[in-house]
Protein backbone atom coordinates (compact mmCIF):
# COMPACT_ATOMS: atom_id res chain seq x y z
CA MET A 1 -55.31 115.11 124.80
CA SER A 2 -56.20 111.66 126.08
CA HIS A 3 -54.69 109.96 129.20
CA ALA A 4 -54.77 106.18 130.09
CA PRO A 5 -56.77 105.57 133.35
CA ASP A 6 -54.91 105.31 136.35
CA ASP A 7 -55.36 101.57 136.92
CA GLU A 8 -54.30 100.71 133.47
CA THR A 9 -50.12 100.12 133.00
CA LEU A 10 -48.11 100.38 129.97
CA PRO A 11 -46.74 96.90 128.81
CA GLU A 12 -43.05 96.80 129.42
CA MET A 13 -40.98 96.45 126.22
CA SER A 14 -38.45 93.80 126.00
CA SER A 15 -35.91 95.43 123.64
CA PRO A 16 -35.83 99.21 123.22
CA ALA A 17 -34.65 100.71 120.03
CA CYS A 18 -32.06 102.36 121.79
CA ALA A 19 -30.45 99.05 122.77
CA MET A 20 -29.36 98.64 119.02
CA ALA A 21 -26.21 100.69 119.72
CA GLU A 22 -25.30 98.15 122.22
CA ALA A 23 -25.77 95.07 120.04
CA ASP A 24 -22.92 92.99 118.54
CA ASP A 25 -21.84 93.91 115.14
CA VAL A 26 -22.28 90.49 113.65
CA TYR A 27 -25.98 90.36 115.12
CA MET A 28 -26.71 93.63 113.34
CA GLY A 29 -25.38 92.40 110.10
CA TYR A 30 -21.94 94.02 110.07
CA ALA A 31 -18.81 91.88 109.68
CA GLY A 32 -16.98 90.73 112.92
CA GLU A 33 -13.84 91.88 113.88
CA GLU A 34 -11.96 88.72 112.85
CA GLU A 35 -13.79 88.61 109.43
CA VAL A 36 -12.64 92.13 108.76
CA ARG A 37 -9.02 91.32 109.89
CA GLY A 38 -8.84 88.46 107.53
CA PHE A 39 -10.57 90.34 104.70
CA LEU A 40 -7.81 93.18 105.16
CA ALA A 41 -4.93 90.79 105.12
CA GLU A 42 -6.35 89.27 102.08
CA LEU A 43 -6.75 92.80 100.61
CA ARG A 44 -3.01 93.69 101.08
CA LYS A 45 -1.84 90.47 99.46
CA ALA A 46 -4.05 91.09 96.54
CA GLU A 47 -2.78 94.56 96.20
CA GLU A 48 0.47 92.93 95.14
CA ARG A 49 -1.42 91.06 92.15
CA PRO A 50 -2.75 93.72 89.65
CA GLU A 51 -4.07 90.79 87.50
CA GLU A 52 -6.85 90.23 90.20
CA ALA A 53 -7.88 93.72 90.73
CA ALA A 54 -11.30 93.19 89.17
CA ALA A 55 -12.23 90.52 91.30
CA TRP A 56 -10.82 92.16 94.30
CA ALA A 57 -12.97 95.33 93.44
CA ARG A 58 -16.18 93.14 93.52
CA LYS A 59 -15.13 91.60 96.99
CA LEU A 60 -14.57 94.99 98.29
CA ARG A 61 -17.71 96.54 96.83
CA ALA A 62 -19.49 93.47 98.60
CA MET A 63 -17.68 93.93 101.92
CA LEU A 64 -18.43 97.79 102.11
CA PRO A 65 -21.90 97.60 103.52
CA ARG A 66 -20.87 95.33 106.04
CA ILE A 67 -18.23 97.68 107.45
CA ARG A 68 -19.36 99.42 110.75
CA ASN A 69 -16.26 101.66 111.52
CA ASP A 70 -16.71 104.80 109.44
CA ARG A 71 -12.85 105.60 109.15
CA LEU A 72 -12.28 101.95 107.90
CA HIS A 73 -15.56 102.29 105.43
CA ALA A 74 -14.13 105.52 104.18
CA ASP A 75 -10.79 104.24 103.39
CA LEU A 76 -11.94 100.94 101.67
CA ALA A 77 -14.19 103.15 99.71
CA ALA A 78 -11.34 105.15 98.63
CA ARG A 79 -9.28 102.19 97.87
CA LEU A 80 -12.27 100.82 95.62
CA SER A 81 -12.52 104.01 93.77
CA ARG A 82 -8.59 103.92 92.94
CA LEU A 83 -9.10 100.20 91.91
CA GLU A 84 -11.87 101.11 89.54
CA ALA A 85 -10.04 104.14 88.18
CA ARG A 86 -6.94 102.11 87.72
CA PHE A 87 -8.05 99.11 86.08
CA ALA A 88 -11.38 99.77 84.58
CA PRO A 89 -12.14 102.34 81.82
CA GLU A 90 -14.02 105.19 83.39
CA SER A 91 -17.26 104.71 81.36
CA ALA A 92 -17.42 101.11 82.47
CA PRO A 93 -17.14 100.50 86.12
CA ILE A 94 -16.32 97.01 87.47
CA PRO A 95 -19.67 95.38 87.66
CA PRO A 96 -21.08 93.81 90.96
CA PRO A 97 -20.52 89.94 91.67
CA ARG A 98 -22.99 87.82 90.16
CA ASP A 99 -25.21 85.29 92.26
CA GLY A 100 -22.79 82.83 93.83
CA GLU A 101 -19.65 84.87 93.02
CA THR A 102 -17.66 86.39 95.44
C-alpha cells in the first residue's frame, strides 16, 4: 500500500458526486415543477378527446424519462400502458415521435 508524502496535500474537489442529489431537477435534465403541472393539465384535457390518444401516448412516452418523482412516474407509465392497450393493437405499439414531432 502506498501513501502520499506528508508534505503533499490532496486537491480539493469543486463538486462532489454526492451533491448531485441536491441539484435542481431542471439542471439534472428532469422536467421542472411548472412544466410537469402544465403537462398534467394538458393530459387531463386530452383524456376527454380519445381521437388524440396516439399523439398523447407519444408525448407521454417522451415525458416519462424526464419525470423524477417515482410515484408520478409509475402513475404516468400505467396511463401510457392503458392508452396503448386501448387505442393500439397489441402487436403494434404506438411508435415513438419522429424528429421534430411532439
